Amino acid sequence: MSVSTLEVSVPEAQSVTVDDETLTAELSDGRTIAVPLGWYPRLVHATPEERANWRFIGVGEGIHWPDLDEDVSVAALLAGRPSAEGQKSFRRWLEGRPGATT
């Protein structure tokens, strides 16, 4: 009996844009993937300047927003996985933001 293996490669992100409604990534295989910003509550509550301050993780395996402590992998985007952050963690983060009222 032979066993075949399926090799799956995840393309790298080459550019990223974030607006008030959507996170969009251009991928190395020519695809563009766009997901609702609501999937990532930290990005929803970020200023335009914070959203624009991102860098690639590795060679485009993911995206990191240092001002927000948010990471999104290309694999998660392709799989349709929104943020897995818990409500308690998000609330704590939100309360720690400048200008937050408790």
Protein backbone atom coordinates (compact mmCIF):
# COMPACT_ATOMS: atom_id res chain seq x y z
CA MET A 1 0.00 0.00 0.00
CA SER A 2 1.35 3.41 -0.87
CA VAL A 3 0.67 6.60 0.95
CA SER A 4 0.60 9.87 -0.89
CA THR A 5 1.29 13.17 0.74
CA LEU A 6 -0.13 16.47 -0.23
CA GLU A 7 2.27 19.34 -0.08
CA VAL A 8 0.60 22.64 0.64
CA SER A 9 2.53 25.86 0.53
CA VAL A 10 1.25 29.10 1.93
CA PRO A 11 2.07 32.16 -0.15
CA GLU A 12 3.69 35.18 1.44
CA ALA A 13 2.05 38.55 1.89
CA GLN A 14 3.65 41.18 -0.32
CA SER A 15 1.60 44.22 0.61
CA VAL A 16 -1.06 45.06 3.16
CA THR A 17 -3.73 47.73 3.36
CA VAL A 18 -6.18 48.40 6.15
CA ASP A 19 -9.14 50.75 5.94
CA ASP A 20 -12.15 51.26 8.21
CA GLU A 21 -13.84 48.09 6.97
CA THR A 22 -11.29 45.69 5.46
CA LEU A 23 -7.86 44.12 5.88
CA THR A 24 -6.45 43.35 2.43
CA ALA A 25 -3.28 41.40 1.61
CA GLU A 26 -1.70 40.96 -1.81
CA LEU A 27 -0.09 37.50 -1.92
CA SER A 28 2.99 36.21 -3.72
CA ASP A 29 0.91 33.79 -5.79
CA GLY A 30 -1.10 36.64 -7.35
CA ARG A 31 -4.16 36.35 -5.13
CA THR A 32 -5.62 39.18 -3.13
CA ILE A 33 -7.43 38.29 0.07
CA ALA A 34 -9.68 40.71 1.90
CA VAL A 35 -11.36 40.04 5.24
CA PRO A 36 -13.70 42.12 7.39
CA LEU A 37 -11.84 44.34 9.83
CA GLY A 38 -14.34 43.22 12.45
CA TRP A 39 -12.47 39.92 12.60
CA TYR A 40 -9.68 41.77 14.42
CA PRO A 41 -11.09 43.95 17.22
CA ARG A 42 -7.74 45.57 17.99
CA LEU A 43 -7.58 46.84 14.41
CA VAL A 44 -11.17 48.07 14.66
CA HIS A 45 -10.26 50.18 17.70
CA ALA A 46 -6.96 51.40 16.27
CA THR A 47 -6.26 54.81 14.84
CA PRO A 48 -5.45 55.05 11.13
CA GLU A 49 -1.82 55.70 12.13
CA GLU A 50 -1.70 52.53 14.25
CA ARG A 51 -3.23 50.49 11.44
CA ALA A 52 -0.65 51.86 9.00
CA ASN A 53 2.25 50.92 11.30
CA TRP A 54 2.73 47.26 10.45
CA ARG A 55 5.62 45.01 9.43
CA PHE A 56 5.90 41.56 7.97
CA ILE A 57 6.59 38.56 10.16
CA GLY A 58 9.37 36.57 8.53
CA VAL A 59 9.34 37.02 4.77
CA GLY A 60 5.60 37.65 4.66
CA GLU A 61 4.29 34.70 6.66
CA GLY A 62 2.23 37.13 8.68
CA ILE A 63 1.65 40.74 9.63
CA HIS A 64 2.52 42.39 12.95
CA TRP A 65 1.18 45.69 14.30
CA PRO A 66 3.62 46.68 17.07
CA ASP A 67 1.45 49.51 18.46
CA LEU A 68 -1.44 47.08 18.89
CA ASP A 69 0.41 43.87 19.76
CA GLU A 70 -1.58 42.19 16.97
CA ASP A 71 -0.35 39.39 14.72
CA VAL A 72 -2.21 37.90 11.76
CA SER A 73 -0.81 35.00 9.75
CA VAL A 74 -1.40 34.53 6.04
CA ALA A 75 -2.45 30.95 6.80
CA ALA A 76 -5.19 32.25 9.14
CA LEU A 77 -6.40 34.71 6.49
CA LEU A 78 -6.58 31.96 3.89
CA ALA A 79 -8.36 29.62 6.32
CA GLY A 80 -10.92 32.29 7.21
CA ARG A 81 -9.95 32.33 10.88
CA PRO A 82 -10.75 35.55 12.76
CA SER A 83 -8.91 36.63 15.90
CA ALA A 84 -9.00 34.04 18.65
CA GLU A 85 -8.42 36.59 21.39
CA GLY A 86 -10.73 36.14 24.35
CA GLN A 87 -13.09 38.85 25.55
CA LYS A 88 -11.28 39.23 28.87
CA SER A 89 -7.92 39.75 27.18
CA PHE A 90 -9.39 42.20 24.67
CA ARG A 91 -11.18 44.19 27.38
CA ARG A 92 -7.95 44.44 29.39
CA TRP A 93 -6.12 45.67 26.27
CA LEU A 94 -8.87 48.15 25.45
CA GLU A 95 -8.89 49.55 29.00
CA GLY A 96 -5.12 50.09 28.78
CA ARG A 97 -5.36 52.26 25.66
CA PRO A 98 -4.58 55.96 25.94
CA GLY A 99 -7.74 57.92 26.67
CA ALA A 100 -9.64 54.82 27.79
CA THR A 101 -12.33 55.41 30.34
CA THR A 102 -13.30 52.79 32.87
